[in-house]
Amino acid sequence: MKHWTEGFDEDADEPLVRPYTITGGRTTPERDDLTLITLVTAVSAVSSETGHGLRRMQPEHRTILALCKRPLAVAEVASALNLPVSVTKILIEDLIEADQMRARPPLAFAPAGGFPDMTILEAVRDGLRNL
């Protein structure tokens, strides 16, 4: 996907559109549960009521829905959009409020109050050594 500024002449007289215009002027997300590793997934069924709302969304909203047919981390979505994470969180928040997307925290790596399984750590170590 191309970056939203691609194709603009840097010396042009016209100022570039700032990312906050994509978010309707919002600069910070209201939700504090969206972290870089929060997994987000698009809801597969679109009702006629929510379908009308999709037409009023930004193109970035539609791109997020297309990307998130399988679970992705917020950081991965931001990278694919080539937008700041804060802007991406606001767009994801819009989709969650419109019941078009679900978010869930990542699964715990270690059991509660314990240490992670050593076989997993060893597999990660071996995989990194093989790179």
Protein backbone atom coordinates (compact mmCIF):
# COMPACT_ATOMS: atom_id res chain seq x y z
CA MET A 1 0.00 0.00 0.00
CA LYS A 2 1.29 3.45 -0.86
CA HIS A 3 1.85 6.06 1.82
CA TRP A 4 -0.73 8.84 1.81
CA THR A 5 1.95 11.46 1.03
CA GLU A 6 3.43 9.55 -1.89
CA GLY A 7 3.15 11.47 -5.13
CA PHE A 8 3.17 14.91 -3.52
CA ASP A 9 5.88 17.34 -4.55
CA GLU A 10 7.80 18.29 -1.42
CA ASP A 11 8.35 21.83 -2.70
CA ALA A 12 4.70 22.35 -3.60
CA ASP A 13 2.85 25.41 -2.32
CA GLU A 14 0.04 23.23 -0.99
CA PRO A 15 0.50 21.97 2.59
CA LEU A 16 0.15 18.22 3.09
CA VAL A 17 -2.94 16.92 4.84
CA ARG A 18 -2.08 16.06 8.41
CA PRO A 19 -2.90 12.60 9.77
CA TYR A 20 -5.37 14.05 12.29
CA THR A 21 -7.70 14.91 9.40
CA ILE A 22 -8.09 11.18 8.86
CA THR A 23 -9.27 10.86 12.45
CA GLY A 24 -11.63 13.82 12.38
CA GLY A 25 -9.33 16.02 14.44
CA ARG A 26 -8.76 13.54 17.24
CA THR A 27 -5.15 13.20 18.33
CA THR A 28 -5.34 10.49 21.00
CA PRO A 29 -7.47 7.35 21.30
CA GLU A 30 -10.02 7.19 24.10
CA ARG A 31 -9.39 3.52 24.80
CA ASP A 32 -6.34 2.61 26.82
CA ASP A 33 -6.58 -1.14 26.17
CA LEU A 34 -5.21 -0.87 22.60
CA THR A 35 -1.50 -1.57 22.91
CA LEU A 36 1.03 -2.36 20.21
CA ILE A 37 0.47 -6.09 20.69
CA THR A 38 -3.32 -6.07 21.05
CA LEU A 39 -4.79 -8.38 18.42
CA VAL A 40 -7.59 -7.02 16.27
CA THR A 41 -9.87 -8.95 13.90
CA ALA A 42 -12.58 -7.77 11.54
CA VAL A 43 -16.09 -9.06 12.17
CA SER A 44 -17.04 -11.16 9.16
CA ALA A 45 -20.76 -10.39 8.98
CA VAL A 46 -21.82 -6.89 7.97
CA SER A 47 -25.46 -6.04 8.61
CA SER A 48 -27.34 -3.58 6.41
CA GLU A 49 -27.38 -1.11 9.30
CA THR A 50 -23.61 -1.14 9.71
CA GLY A 51 -23.08 -1.32 5.94
CA HIS A 52 -24.39 2.23 5.59
CA GLY A 53 -21.84 3.38 8.18
CA LEU A 54 -19.02 1.78 6.21
CA ARG A 55 -19.69 4.04 3.24
CA ARG A 56 -19.11 7.07 5.46
CA MET A 57 -15.78 5.80 6.76
CA GLN A 58 -12.36 6.87 5.61
CA PRO A 59 -10.56 4.67 3.06
CA GLU A 60 -8.16 3.74 5.84
CA HIS A 61 -11.04 2.20 7.80
CA ARG A 62 -11.87 -0.04 4.86
CA THR A 63 -8.21 -0.96 4.44
CA ILE A 64 -8.01 -1.97 8.10
CA LEU A 65 -11.06 -4.21 7.70
CA ALA A 66 -9.51 -5.84 4.65
CA LEU A 67 -6.19 -6.38 6.46
CA CYS A 68 -7.78 -7.79 9.59
CA LYS A 69 -9.61 -10.74 8.10
CA ARG A 70 -7.12 -12.67 10.21
CA PRO A 71 -5.91 -11.44 13.61
CA LEU A 72 -3.18 -8.80 13.45
CA ALA A 73 -1.42 -6.78 16.12
CA VAL A 74 -2.06 -3.04 16.22
CA ALA A 75 1.60 -2.45 15.35
CA GLU A 76 1.27 -4.62 12.23
CA VAL A 77 -1.80 -2.70 11.09
CA ALA A 78 -0.01 0.63 11.60
CA SER A 79 2.96 -0.65 9.62
CA ALA A 80 0.78 -1.86 6.75
CA LEU A 81 -1.03 1.50 6.61
CA ASN A 82 2.24 3.40 6.97
CA LEU A 83 0.54 5.65 9.53
CA PRO A 84 1.52 6.57 13.09
CA VAL A 85 0.37 4.07 15.71
CA SER A 86 -1.69 6.74 17.49
CA VAL A 87 -3.67 7.46 14.32
CA THR A 88 -4.11 3.73 13.67
CA LYS A 89 -5.42 3.19 17.21
CA ILE A 90 -8.06 5.88 16.68
CA LEU A 91 -9.17 4.28 13.41
CA ILE A 92 -9.34 0.84 15.04
CA GLU A 93 -11.29 2.36 17.92
CA ASP A 94 -13.84 3.71 15.41
CA LEU A 95 -14.28 0.24 13.94
CA ILE A 96 -14.66 -1.37 17.37
CA GLU A 97 -17.36 1.14 18.29
CA ALA A 98 -19.12 0.41 14.98
CA ASP A 99 -19.06 -3.34 15.82
CA GLN A 100 -16.92 -4.02 12.76
CA MET A 101 -13.88 -5.17 14.68
CA ARG A 102 -12.97 -7.08 17.82
CA ALA A 103 -9.89 -6.55 19.97
CA ARG A 104 -8.37 -8.90 22.49
CA PRO A 105 -5.21 -8.73 24.54
CA PRO A 106 -2.48 -11.18 23.57
CA LEU A 107 -2.42 -14.55 25.27
CA ALA A 108 -0.29 -14.75 28.36
CA PHE A 109 3.11 -16.26 27.68
CA ALA A 110 3.73 -17.41 31.22
CA PRO A 111 1.30 -19.09 33.60
CA ALA A 112 -0.04 -16.80 36.30
CA GLY A 113 2.67 -16.13 38.84
CA GLY A 114 5.11 -18.48 37.16
CA PHE A 115 7.84 -18.59 34.58
CA PRO A 116 7.40 -19.34 30.89
CA ASP A 117 7.90 -22.86 29.62
CA MET A 118 11.63 -23.40 29.00
CA THR A 119 10.98 -25.38 25.81
CA ILE A 120 9.38 -22.31 24.24
CA LEU A 121 12.29 -20.10 25.25
CA GLU A 122 14.77 -22.64 23.91
CA ALA A 123 12.88 -22.89 20.61
CA VAL A 124 12.96 -19.08 20.27
CA ARG A 125 16.67 -19.02 21.09
CA ASP A 126 17.41 -21.74 18.54
CA GLY A 127 15.32 -20.01 15.90
CA LEU A 128 17.19 -16.75 16.43
CA ARG A 129 20.53 -18.52 16.19
CA ASN A 130 19.49 -20.06 12.87
CA LEU A 131 18.82 -16.64 11.33
